[in-house]
Amino acid sequence: MKQSLDGRTVFITGANGGLGEQFVEQALQRGVGQIKCVTDGASKYRADAPLK
């Protein structure tokens, strides 16, 4: 069962790879409104990038 995240804000640590990156992908697929990420700077996700 996939829970909808429509309009919600999520906080994800380790978003630059591994499980953290997968959490970001899943959140985007579930309609999250905003993602707050903690990375080591090597992430493909940027704070100023719009959610797709």
Protein backbone atom coordinates (compact mmCIF):
# COMPACT_ATOMS: atom_id res chain seq x y z
CA MET A 1 0.00 0.00 0.00
CA LYS A 2 1.38 3.39 -0.98
CA GLN A 3 0.48 6.24 1.32
CA SER A 4 -0.15 9.60 -0.32
CA LEU A 5 2.11 12.47 0.72
CA ASP A 6 0.10 15.12 -1.13
CA GLY A 7 1.15 18.55 0.07
CA ARG A 8 3.15 17.25 3.02
CA THR A 9 6.68 18.22 4.00
CA VAL A 10 9.21 15.44 4.64
CA PHE A 11 12.70 15.56 6.15
CA ILE A 12 15.24 13.09 4.75
CA THR A 13 18.81 12.60 5.94
CA GLY A 14 21.47 11.02 3.76
CA ALA A 15 19.63 12.06 0.60
CA ASN A 16 22.73 11.94 -1.63
CA GLY A 17 22.68 8.16 -2.03
CA GLY A 18 21.53 4.74 -0.92
CA LEU A 19 18.33 4.56 1.09
CA GLY A 20 18.09 8.34 1.51
CA GLU A 21 18.05 8.84 -2.26
CA GLN A 22 15.34 6.20 -2.60
CA PHE A 23 13.29 7.96 0.09
CA VAL A 24 13.48 11.15 -1.99
CA GLU A 25 12.37 9.30 -5.14
CA GLN A 26 9.46 7.65 -3.29
CA ALA A 27 8.37 10.97 -1.77
CA LEU A 28 8.34 12.59 -5.21
CA GLN A 29 6.27 9.73 -6.63
CA ARG A 30 3.77 10.09 -3.78
CA GLY A 31 3.13 13.79 -4.37
CA VAL A 32 5.12 15.38 -1.56
CA GLY A 33 4.78 19.16 -1.36
CA GLN A 34 8.22 19.94 0.05
CA ILE A 35 11.36 17.94 0.85
CA LYS A 36 13.97 19.02 3.39
CA CYS A 37 17.19 17.08 2.73
CA VAL A 38 20.48 16.67 4.53
CA THR A 39 23.33 15.66 2.23
CA ASP A 40 27.12 15.74 2.15
CA GLY A 41 27.07 18.19 -0.76
CA ALA A 42 27.42 15.55 -3.48
CA SER A 43 23.68 15.13 -3.99
CA LYS A 44 21.95 15.58 -7.32
CA TYR A 45 19.16 17.31 -5.35
CA ARG A 46 19.58 21.03 -4.78
CA ALA A 47 17.80 23.27 -2.32
CA ASP A 48 16.79 25.65 -5.10
CA ALA A 49 15.57 22.96 -7.52
CA PRO A 50 11.81 22.66 -8.09
CA LEU A 51 10.19 19.32 -7.27
CA LYS A 52 9.40 17.21 -10.31
